[in-house]
Amino acid sequence: MKYKTLDELAMLDPADLAKECNKASLFLLELRMKKAGNELKQTHSIRECRRYIAQIRTIESSRVTPELA
């Protein structure tokens, strides 16, 4: 899976962000299943995917909640 940059994620609308998050979550599940079956050679990809999901969720939450000054 090719991860989008933060600038690309920031330009997406909320519906597309939700789709991207779902796609990344399914990919993370796939990676975990491969790891459990000893098929995954690049175990660092699990960490990268978790961080990518966190970035998406951070962008989603920053749009929903107004900044508290």
PDB file of N, CA and C in Angstrom:
ATOM      1  N   MET A   1       0.842  -1.177   0.000  1.00  0.00           N
ATOM      2  CA  MET A   1       0.000   0.000   0.000  1.00  0.00           C
ATOM      3  C   MET A   1       0.885   1.237   0.000  1.00  0.00           C
ATOM      4  N   LYS A   2       0.537   2.179  -0.834  1.00  0.00           N
ATOM      5  CA  LYS A   2       1.284   3.434  -0.886  1.00  0.00           C
ATOM      6  C   LYS A   2       0.610   4.436   0.037  1.00  0.00           C
ATOM      7  N   TYR A   3       1.395   4.962   0.972  1.00  0.00           N
ATOM      8  CA  TYR A   3       0.863   5.922   1.923  1.00  0.00           C
ATOM      9  C   TYR A   3       0.911   7.322   1.334  1.00  0.00           C
ATOM     10  N   LYS A   4      -0.129   8.099   1.604  1.00  0.00           N
ATOM     11  CA  LYS A   4      -0.181   9.482   1.142  1.00  0.00           C
ATOM     12  C   LYS A   4       0.550  10.375   2.134  1.00  0.00           C
ATOM     13  N   THR A   5       1.040  11.496   1.636  1.00  0.00           N
ATOM     14  CA  THR A   5       1.729  12.449   2.509  1.00  0.00           C
ATOM     15  C   THR A   5       0.689  13.227   3.310  1.00  0.00           C
ATOM     16  N   LEU A   6       1.164  13.940   4.319  1.00  0.00           N
ATOM     17  CA  LEU A   6       0.254  14.738   5.145  1.00  0.00           C
ATOM     18  C   LEU A   6      -0.446  15.812   4.332  1.00  0.00           C
ATOM     19  N   ASP A   7       0.266  16.410   3.385  1.00  0.00           N
ATOM     20  CA  ASP A   7      -0.350  17.436   2.543  1.00  0.00           C
ATOM     21  C   ASP A   7      -1.476  16.845   1.694  1.00  0.00           C
ATOM     22  N   GLU A   8      -1.256  15.643   1.169  1.00  0.00           N
ATOM     23  CA  GLU A   8      -2.292  14.992   0.374  1.00  0.00           C
ATOM     24  C   GLU A   8      -3.495  14.626   1.240  1.00  0.00           C
ATOM     25  N   LEU A   9      -3.227  14.166   2.457  1.00  0.00           N
ATOM     26  CA  LEU A   9      -4.323  13.822   3.364  1.00  0.00           C
ATOM     27  C   LEU A   9      -5.122  15.050   3.776  1.00  0.00           C
ATOM     28  N   ALA A  10      -4.435  16.163   3.969  1.00  0.00           N
ATOM     29  CA  ALA A  10      -5.111  17.391   4.395  1.00  0.00           C
ATOM     30  C   ALA A  10      -6.056  17.918   3.321  1.00  0.00           C
ATOM     31  N   MET A  11      -5.803  17.585   2.072  1.00  0.00           N
ATOM     32  CA  MET A  11      -6.648  18.073   0.980  1.00  0.00           C
ATOM     33  C   MET A  11      -7.888  17.209   0.760  1.00  0.00           C
ATOM     34  N   LEU A  12      -7.926  16.027   1.368  1.00  0.00           N
ATOM     35  CA  LEU A  12      -9.064  15.138   1.169  1.00  0.00           C
ATOM     36  C   LEU A  12     -10.269  15.612   1.976  1.00  0.00           C
ATOM     37  N   ASP A  13     -11.457  15.331   1.440  1.00  0.00           N
ATOM     38  CA  ASP A  13     -12.664  15.666   2.191  1.00  0.00           C
ATOM     39  C   ASP A  13     -12.932  14.560   3.222  1.00  0.00           C
ATOM     40  N   PRO A  14     -13.813  14.798   4.176  1.00  0.00           N
ATOM     41  CA  PRO A  14     -14.029  13.832   5.263  1.00  0.00           C
ATOM     42  C   PRO A  14     -14.425  12.427   4.790  1.00  0.00           C
ATOM     43  N   ALA A  15     -15.213  12.346   3.740  1.00  0.00           N
ATOM     44  CA  ALA A  15     -15.625  11.028   3.245  1.00  0.00           C
ATOM     45  C   ALA A  15     -14.430  10.250   2.701  1.00  0.00           C
ATOM     46  N   ASP A  16     -13.560  10.941   1.969  1.00  0.00           N
ATOM     47  CA  ASP A  16     -12.372  10.288   1.428  1.00  0.00           C
ATOM     48  C   ASP A  16     -11.395   9.912   2.532  1.00  0.00           C
ATOM     49  N   LEU A  17     -11.323  10.735   3.580  1.00  0.00           N
ATOM     50  CA  LEU A  17     -10.467  10.398   4.718  1.00  0.00           C
ATOM     51  C   LEU A  17     -10.965   9.125   5.399  1.00  0.00           C
ATOM     52  N   ALA A  18     -12.269   9.000   5.531  1.00  0.00           N
ATOM     53  CA  ALA A  18     -12.839   7.804   6.152  1.00  0.00           C
ATOM     54  C   ALA A  18     -12.545   6.567   5.305  1.00  0.00           C
ATOM     55  N   LYS A  19     -12.644   6.708   3.982  1.00  0.00           N
ATOM     56  CA  LYS A  19     -12.330   5.593   3.089  1.00  0.00           C
ATOM     57  C   LYS A  19     -10.861   5.199   3.208  1.00  0.00           C
ATOM     58  N   GLU A  20      -9.995   6.198   3.267  1.00  0.00           N
ATOM     59  CA  GLU A  20      -8.554   5.942   3.381  1.00  0.00           C
ATOM     60  C   GLU A  20      -8.240   5.248   4.713  1.00  0.00           C
ATOM     61  N   CYS A  21      -8.918   5.652   5.771  1.00  0.00           N
ATOM     62  CA  CYS A  21      -8.709   5.043   7.082  1.00  0.00           C
ATOM     63  C   CYS A  21      -9.181   3.586   7.075  1.00  0.00           C
ATOM     64  N   ASN A  22     -10.310   3.329   6.468  1.00  0.00           N
ATOM     65  CA  ASN A  22     -10.809   1.954   6.366  1.00  0.00           C
ATOM     66  C   ASN A  22      -9.874   1.080   5.549  1.00  0.00           C
ATOM     67  N   LYS A  23      -9.368   1.639   4.448  1.00  0.00           N
ATOM     68  CA  LYS A  23      -8.447   0.892   3.601  1.00  0.00           C
ATOM     69  C   LYS A  23      -7.163   0.559   4.358  1.00  0.00           C
ATOM     70  N   ALA A  24      -6.650   1.523   5.111  1.00  0.00           N
ATOM     71  CA  ALA A  24      -5.428   1.305   5.885  1.00  0.00           C
ATOM     72  C   ALA A  24      -5.673   0.308   7.013  1.00  0.00           C
ATOM     73  N   SER A  25      -6.845   0.354   7.619  1.00  0.00           N
ATOM     74  CA  SER A  25      -7.160  -0.588   8.693  1.00  0.00           C
ATOM     75  C   SER A  25      -7.237  -2.018   8.168  1.00  0.00           C
ATOM     76  N   LEU A  26      -7.818  -2.189   7.003  1.00  0.00           N
ATOM     77  CA  LEU A  26      -7.864  -3.519   6.398  1.00  0.00           C
ATOM     78  C   LEU A  26      -6.467  -4.003   6.029  1.00  0.00           C
ATOM     79  N   PHE A  27      -5.632  -3.079   5.560  1.00  0.00           N
ATOM     80  CA  PHE A  27      -4.256  -3.440   5.223  1.00  0.00           C
ATOM     81  C   PHE A  27      -3.489  -3.838   6.483  1.00  0.00           C
ATOM     82  N   LEU A  28      -3.738  -3.142   7.595  1.00  0.00           N
ATOM     83  CA  LEU A  28      -3.095  -3.483   8.862  1.00  0.00           C
ATOM     84  C   LEU A  28      -3.526  -4.881   9.314  1.00  0.00           C
ATOM     85  N   LEU A  29      -4.795  -5.195   9.166  1.00  0.00           N
ATOM     86  CA  LEU A  29      -5.281  -6.525   9.511  1.00  0.00           C
ATOM     87  C   LEU A  29      -4.578  -7.588   8.666  1.00  0.00           C
ATOM     88  N   GLU A  30      -4.431  -7.296   7.390  1.00  0.00           N
ATOM     89  CA  GLU A  30      -3.747  -8.220   6.488  1.00  0.00           C
ATOM     90  C   GLU A  30      -2.292  -8.427   6.914  1.00  0.00           C
ATOM     91  N   LEU A  31      -1.622  -7.336   7.302  1.00  0.00           N
ATOM     92  CA  LEU A  31      -0.242  -7.447   7.758  1.00  0.00           C
ATOM     93  C   LEU A  31      -0.142  -8.284   9.027  1.00  0.00           C
ATOM     94  N   ARG A  32      -1.070  -8.078   9.935  1.00  0.00           N
ATOM     95  CA  ARG A  32      -1.057  -8.848  11.184  1.00  0.00           C
ATOM     96  C   ARG A  32      -1.292 -10.331  10.938  1.00  0.00           C
ATOM     97  N   MET A  33      -2.168 -10.634  10.001  1.00  0.00           N
ATOM     98  CA  MET A  33      -2.420 -12.032   9.668  1.00  0.00           C
ATOM     99  C   MET A  33      -1.183 -12.676   9.039  1.00  0.00           C
ATOM    100  N   LYS A  34      -0.494 -11.921   8.188  1.00  0.00           N
ATOM    101  CA  LYS A  34       0.731 -12.437   7.584  1.00  0.00           C
ATOM    102  C   LYS A  34       1.803 -12.668   8.644  1.00  0.00           C
ATOM    103  N   LYS A  35       1.877 -11.754   9.608  1.00  0.00           N
ATOM    104  CA  LYS A  35       2.867 -11.909  10.681  1.00  0.00           C
ATOM    105  C   LYS A  35       2.569 -13.137  11.523  1.00  0.00           C
ATOM    106  N   ALA A  36       1.303 -13.365  11.795  1.00  0.00           N
ATOM    107  CA  ALA A  36       0.913 -14.528  12.593  1.00  0.00           C
ATOM    108  C   ALA A  36       1.249 -15.832  11.875  1.00  0.00           C
ATOM    109  N   GLY A  37       1.212 -15.817  10.560  1.00  0.00           N
ATOM    110  CA  GLY A  37       1.534 -16.999   9.775  1.00  0.00           C
ATOM    111  C   GLY A  37       2.985 -17.066   9.353  1.00  0.00           C
ATOM    112  N   ASN A  38       3.826 -16.210   9.903  1.00  0.00           N
ATOM    113  CA  ASN A  38       5.258 -16.146   9.575  1.00  0.00           C
ATOM    114  C   ASN A  38       5.521 -15.896   8.087  1.00  0.00           C
ATOM    115  N   GLU A  39       4.641 -15.157   7.433  1.00  0.00           N
ATOM    116  CA  GLU A  39       4.818 -14.825   6.026  1.00  0.00           C
ATOM    117  C   GLU A  39       5.374 -13.416   5.842  1.00  0.00           C
ATOM    118  N   LEU A  40       5.335 -12.600   6.900  1.00  0.00           N
ATOM    119  CA  LEU A  40       5.740 -11.206   6.797  1.00  0.00           C
ATOM    120  C   LEU A  40       7.228 -11.078   7.110  1.00  0.00           C
ATOM    121  N   LYS A  41       7.987 -10.588   6.141  1.00  0.00           N
ATOM    122  CA  LYS A  41       9.427 -10.414   6.320  1.00  0.00           C
ATOM    123  C   LYS A  41       9.764  -9.019   6.829  1.00  0.00           C
ATOM    124  N   GLN A  42       8.976  -8.026   6.457  1.00  0.00           N
ATOM    125  CA  GLN A  42       9.231  -6.634   6.856  1.00  0.00           C
ATOM    126  C   GLN A  42       8.260  -6.254   7.964  1.00  0.00           C
ATOM    127  N   THR A  43       8.613  -6.604   9.185  1.00  0.00           N
ATOM    128  CA  THR A  43       7.707  -6.376  10.302  1.00  0.00           C
ATOM    129  C   THR A  43       7.552  -4.896  10.627  1.00  0.00           C
ATOM    130  N   HIS A  44       8.471  -4.062  10.172  1.00  0.00           N
ATOM    131  CA  HIS A  44       8.357  -2.622  10.423  1.00  0.00           C
ATOM    132  C   HIS A  44       7.169  -2.006   9.688  1.00  0.00           C
ATOM    133  N   SER A  45       6.651  -2.695   8.691  1.00  0.00           N
ATOM    134  CA  SER A  45       5.515  -2.158   7.946  1.00  0.00           C
ATOM    135  C   SER A  45       4.255  -2.077   8.816  1.00  0.00           C
ATOM    136  N   ILE A  46       4.165  -2.909   9.852  1.00  0.00           N
ATOM    137  CA  ILE A  46       3.027  -2.830  10.777  1.00  0.00           C
ATOM    138  C   ILE A  46       3.070  -1.494  11.513  1.00  0.00           C
ATOM    139  N   ARG A  47       4.235  -1.115  11.982  1.00  0.00           N
ATOM    140  CA  ARG A  47       4.384   0.156  12.701  1.00  0.00           C
ATOM    141  C   ARG A  47       4.081   1.339  11.783  1.00  0.00           C
ATOM    142  N   GLU A  48       4.561   1.277  10.548  1.00  0.00           N
ATOM    143  CA  GLU A  48       4.301   2.355   9.589  1.00  0.00           C
ATOM    144  C   GLU A  48       2.807   2.505   9.334  1.00  0.00           C
ATOM    145  N   CYS A  49       2.115   1.394   9.213  1.00  0.00           N
ATOM    146  CA  CYS A  49       0.680   1.434   8.937  1.00  0.00           C
ATOM    147  C   CYS A  49      -0.081   1.990  10.134  1.00  0.00           C
ATOM    148  N   ARG A  50       0.305   1.612  11.348  1.00  0.00           N
ATOM    149  CA  ARG A  50      -0.344   2.156  12.546  1.00  0.00           C
ATOM    150  C   ARG A  50      -0.150   3.661  12.634  1.00  0.00           C
ATOM    151  N   ARG A  51       1.021   4.131  12.310  1.00  0.00           N
ATOM    152  CA  ARG A  51       1.284   5.577  12.330  1.00  0.00           C
ATOM    153  C   ARG A  51       0.471   6.300  11.262  1.00  0.00           C
ATOM    154  N   TYR A  52       0.336   5.680  10.106  1.00  0.00           N
ATOM    155  CA  TYR A  52      -0.446   6.273   9.025  1.00  0.00           C
ATOM    156  C   TYR A  52      -1.905   6.416   9.445  1.00  0.00           C
ATOM    157  N   ILE A  53      -2.446   5.396  10.075  1.00  0.00           N
ATOM    158  CA  ILE A  53      -3.826   5.453  10.565  1.00  0.00           C
ATOM    159  C   ILE A  53      -3.965   6.555  11.607  1.00  0.00           C
ATOM    160  N   ALA A  54      -2.979   6.687  12.471  1.00  0.00           N
ATOM    161  CA  ALA A  54      -3.016   7.738  13.495  1.00  0.00           C
ATOM    162  C   ALA A  54      -2.982   9.123  12.856  1.00  0.00           C
ATOM    163  N   GLN A  55      -2.216   9.285  11.800  1.00  0.00           N
ATOM    164  CA  GLN A  55      -2.171  10.577  11.105  1.00  0.00           C
ATOM    165  C   GLN A  55      -3.528  10.912  10.503  1.00  0.00           C
ATOM    166  N   ILE A  56      -4.166   9.923   9.902  1.00  0.00           N
ATOM    167  CA  ILE A  56      -5.491  10.146   9.311  1.00  0.00           C
ATOM    168  C   ILE A  56      -6.485  10.546  10.398  1.00  0.00           C
ATOM    169  N   ARG A  57      -6.485   9.826  11.512  1.00  0.00           N
ATOM    170  CA  ARG A  57      -7.426  10.117  12.589  1.00  0.00           C
ATOM    171  C   ARG A  57      -7.155  11.473  13.225  1.00  0.00           C
ATOM    172  N   THR A  58      -5.901  11.882  13.279  1.00  0.00           N
ATOM    173  CA  THR A  58      -5.569  13.200  13.817  1.00  0.00           C
ATOM    174  C   THR A  58      -6.132  14.296  12.924  1.00  0.00           C
ATOM    175  N   ILE A  59      -6.003  14.133  11.620  1.00  0.00           N
ATOM    176  CA  ILE A  59      -6.543  15.120  10.685  1.00  0.00           C
ATOM    177  C   ILE A  59      -8.062  15.164  10.801  1.00  0.00           C
ATOM    178  N   GLU A  60      -8.693  13.983  10.907  1.00  0.00           N
ATOM    179  CA  GLU A  60     -10.149  13.945  11.051  1.00  0.00           C
ATOM    180  C   GLU A  60     -10.606  14.667  12.320  1.00  0.00           C
ATOM    181  N   SER A  61      -9.937  14.421  13.412  1.00  0.00           N
ATOM    182  CA  SER A  61     -10.362  15.037  14.676  1.00  0.00           C
ATOM    183  C   SER A  61     -10.061  16.515  14.727  1.00  0.00           C
ATOM    184  N   SER A  62      -9.019  16.961  14.062  1.00  0.00           N
ATOM    185  CA  SER A  62      -8.706  18.384  14.059  1.00  0.00           C
ATOM    186  C   SER A  62      -9.740  19.188  13.259  1.00  0.00           C
ATOM    187  N   ARG A  63     -10.374  18.535  12.323  1.00  0.00           N
ATOM    188  CA  ARG A  63     -11.415  19.222  11.550  1.00  0.00           C
ATOM    189  C   ARG A  63     -12.723  19.280  12.325  1.00  0.00           C
ATOM    190  N   VAL A  64     -12.986  18.303  13.143  1.00  0.00           N
ATOM    191  CA  VAL A  64     -14.251  18.222  13.857  1.00  0.00           C
ATOM    192  C   VAL A  64     -14.271  19.151  15.060  1.00  0.00           C
ATOM    193  N   THR A  65     -13.212  19.123  15.855  1.00  0.00           N
ATOM    194  CA  THR A  65     -13.187  19.931  17.073  1.00  0.00           C
ATOM    195  C   THR A  65     -12.533  21.278  16.802  1.00  0.00           C
ATOM    196  N   PRO A  66     -13.154  22.338  17.228  1.00  0.00           N
ATOM    197  CA  PRO A  66     -12.529  23.655  17.035  1.00  0.00           C
ATOM    198  C   PRO A  66     -11.346  23.803  17.994  1.00  0.00           C
ATOM    199  N   GLU A  67     -10.415  24.647  17.604  1.00  0.00           N
ATOM    200  CA  GLU A  67      -9.241  24.872  18.436  1.00  0.00           C
ATOM    201  C   GLU A  67      -9.659  25.653  19.678  1.00  0.00           C
ATOM    202  N   LEU A  68      -9.125  25.215  20.797  1.00  0.00           N
ATOM    203  CA  LEU A  68      -9.400  25.886  22.060  1.00  0.00           C
ATOM    204  C   LEU A  68      -8.242  26.823  22.340  1.00  0.00           C
ATOM    205  N   ALA A  69      -8.505  28.109  22.378  1.00  0.00           N
ATOM    206  CA  ALA A  69      -7.435  29.078  22.600  1.00  0.00           C
ATOM    207  C   ALA A  69      -7.438  29.607  24.007  1.00  0.00           C
TER     208      ALA A  69
END
